Amino acid sequence: MTKPENAAPCPENMLLPVGKMPQLRVMPAPSDANVYGDVFGGWIMAQVDIAGSLPATRRANGRVATIAVNSFVFKNPVFVGDLLSFYADIVKVGNTSITVYVEVYAERNRLQADTVKVTEATLTYVATGEDRKPRQLPPLESLMGR
């Protein structure tokens, strides 16, 4: 599965998504980058995994584990000092699994006027019990009253 059908194409300079709250916002430090200030892809992947797990954990009403990175595309580099915003939406729910689409935007020099989409990914999580084995997702109705 790739990005949802309603995902828009990515121009180079853009604004952050309107009407959506990011799951995570973080600024990479020098220790997250090489000597040239380019942030390591693995560091970005870890942050994407954290951001994607947040809506999955809410939907599962508990523990989840990453079982697949279905797609991961780096569109633009990330630099030390960029403010990254991670947006995550559930795109598919199974019996025990939840697939999440994550988009990452960088505000260069912390100026929203210079914002680029840097990454998009689709990850699948599985709900797990205390024994860390897969468990059924709770019905959506049972989560509405919380």
Protein backbone atom coordinates (compact mmCIF):
# COMPACT_ATOMS: atom_id res chain seq x y z
CA MET A 1 0.00 0.00 0.00
CA THR A 2 1.28 3.46 -0.80
CA LYS A 3 -0.01 6.90 0.09
CA PRO A 4 -3.79 7.36 0.33
CA GLU A 5 -5.65 8.30 -2.82
CA ASN A 6 -6.43 11.77 -1.44
CA ALA A 7 -2.76 12.66 -0.83
CA ALA A 8 -1.73 15.69 -2.86
CA PRO A 9 1.39 15.96 -5.03
CA CYS A 10 4.35 17.62 -3.33
CA PRO A 11 5.61 20.96 -4.63
CA GLU A 12 9.09 22.01 -3.47
CA ASN A 13 7.92 24.89 -1.25
CA MET A 14 4.66 24.52 0.59
CA LEU A 15 2.87 25.20 3.83
CA LEU A 16 2.21 22.71 6.60
CA PRO A 17 -1.09 20.82 6.22
CA VAL A 18 -4.02 23.02 7.26
CA GLY A 19 -6.46 21.73 9.85
CA LYS A 20 -4.27 18.83 10.97
CA MET A 21 -2.20 18.57 14.12
CA PRO A 22 1.19 16.91 13.84
CA GLN A 23 1.71 13.73 15.86
CA LEU A 24 5.28 14.77 16.59
CA ARG A 25 7.51 17.82 16.14
CA VAL A 26 11.25 17.59 16.60
CA MET A 27 14.45 19.39 15.65
CA PRO A 28 17.45 17.19 14.81
CA ALA A 29 20.64 17.90 16.72
CA PRO A 30 24.23 17.78 15.46
CA SER A 31 24.56 14.26 16.92
CA ASP A 32 21.78 13.14 14.50
CA ALA A 33 23.78 14.15 11.43
CA ASN A 34 27.02 13.58 9.57
CA VAL A 35 29.87 16.11 9.59
CA TYR A 36 28.17 18.09 6.79
CA GLY A 37 24.96 18.63 8.78
CA ASP A 38 22.89 16.13 6.76
CA VAL A 39 20.59 14.19 9.10
CA PHE A 40 20.93 10.40 9.00
CA GLY A 41 18.10 8.57 7.24
CA GLY A 42 17.98 6.02 10.05
CA TRP A 43 17.28 8.78 12.58
CA ILE A 44 14.41 10.04 10.42
CA MET A 45 13.08 6.48 10.09
CA ALA A 46 13.05 6.09 13.88
CA GLN A 47 11.07 9.32 14.30
CA VAL A 48 8.60 8.22 11.59
CA ASP A 49 8.12 4.93 13.47
CA ILE A 50 7.37 6.83 16.70
CA ALA A 51 4.93 9.19 14.94
CA GLY A 52 3.14 6.31 13.19
CA SER A 53 2.85 4.32 16.40
CA LEU A 54 0.89 7.08 18.16
CA PRO A 55 -2.40 6.78 16.23
CA ALA A 56 -1.90 3.00 16.05
CA THR A 57 -1.58 2.81 19.84
CA ARG A 58 -4.72 4.90 20.29
CA ARG A 59 -6.70 2.71 17.86
CA ALA A 60 -5.37 -0.49 19.46
CA ASN A 61 -6.10 0.92 22.92
CA GLY A 62 -2.74 -0.42 24.03
CA ARG A 63 0.59 -1.83 22.97
CA VAL A 64 1.56 -2.15 19.29
CA ALA A 65 4.65 -3.41 17.51
CA THR A 66 5.93 -2.41 14.07
CA ILE A 67 5.66 -5.40 11.75
CA ALA A 68 6.32 -3.83 8.36
CA VAL A 69 7.65 -0.76 6.63
CA ASN A 70 5.54 -1.01 3.49
CA SER A 71 7.10 2.01 1.79
CA PHE A 72 9.53 4.75 2.69
CA VAL A 73 10.56 7.58 0.38
CA PHE A 74 13.03 10.36 1.12
CA LYS A 75 11.99 13.34 -1.01
CA ASN A 76 14.32 16.08 0.26
CA PRO A 77 17.30 16.17 2.63
CA VAL A 78 16.94 17.10 6.29
CA PHE A 79 19.45 19.39 7.95
CA VAL A 80 20.43 20.16 11.53
CA GLY A 81 18.19 23.03 12.62
CA ASP A 82 15.16 22.04 10.52
CA LEU A 83 11.94 21.82 12.51
CA LEU A 84 10.27 18.57 11.46
CA SER A 85 6.52 17.99 11.68
CA PHE A 86 5.23 14.42 11.43
CA TYR A 87 1.62 13.86 10.34
CA ALA A 88 0.16 10.36 10.63
CA ASP A 89 -3.20 8.93 9.53
CA ILE A 90 -4.59 5.43 9.80
CA VAL A 91 -5.31 4.18 6.28
CA LYS A 92 -6.28 0.53 6.95
CA VAL A 93 -7.42 -1.56 9.90
CA GLY A 94 -7.43 -5.35 10.00
CA ASN A 95 -8.22 -7.82 12.77
CA THR A 96 -4.94 -7.27 14.61
CA SER A 97 -3.10 -4.81 12.35
CA ILE A 98 -3.19 -1.08 11.69
CA THR A 99 -1.56 0.56 8.65
CA VAL A 100 -0.50 4.18 9.03
CA TYR A 101 0.59 6.74 6.43
CA VAL A 102 3.16 9.28 7.71
CA GLU A 103 4.22 12.52 6.03
CA VAL A 104 7.14 14.61 7.25
CA TYR A 105 7.65 18.30 6.54
CA ALA A 106 10.71 20.41 7.32
CA GLU A 107 10.51 24.09 8.16
CA ARG A 108 13.91 25.38 7.06
CA ASN A 109 15.50 27.85 9.45
CA ARG A 110 12.25 27.63 11.44
CA LEU A 111 10.51 29.83 8.89
CA GLN A 112 7.21 28.34 7.82
CA ALA A 113 7.57 30.25 4.54
CA ASP A 114 10.32 27.79 3.56
CA THR A 115 8.66 24.41 4.13
CA VAL A 116 9.33 21.22 2.16
CA LYS A 117 8.00 17.70 2.33
CA VAL A 118 10.99 15.53 3.18
CA THR A 119 9.61 12.04 3.72
CA GLU A 120 6.52 9.89 3.32
CA ALA A 121 6.08 6.36 4.55
CA THR A 122 3.52 3.64 5.16
CA LEU A 123 4.02 1.35 8.16
CA THR A 124 2.00 -1.52 9.61
CA TYR A 125 1.67 -2.17 13.32
CA VAL A 126 0.14 -5.15 15.11
CA ALA A 127 -1.72 -4.89 18.41
CA THR A 128 -0.07 -7.04 21.05
CA GLY A 129 -1.03 -8.19 24.52
CA GLU A 130 1.08 -8.29 27.65
CA ASP A 131 2.53 -11.56 26.34
CA ARG A 132 3.66 -9.59 23.25
CA LYS A 133 1.63 -11.85 20.97
CA PRO A 134 -0.89 -10.47 18.45
CA ARG A 135 -4.34 -9.68 19.82
CA GLN A 136 -7.63 -8.62 18.26
CA LEU A 137 -8.24 -4.90 17.96
CA PRO A 138 -11.08 -3.65 20.14
CA PRO A 139 -14.28 -2.69 18.30
CA LEU A 140 -14.35 0.98 17.32
CA GLU A 141 -17.55 1.47 19.34
CA SER A 142 -15.76 0.52 22.57
CA LEU A 143 -13.24 3.33 22.01
CA MET A 144 -15.83 6.05 21.37
CA GLY A 145 -16.78 6.42 25.04
CA ARG A 146 -13.26 7.23 26.24
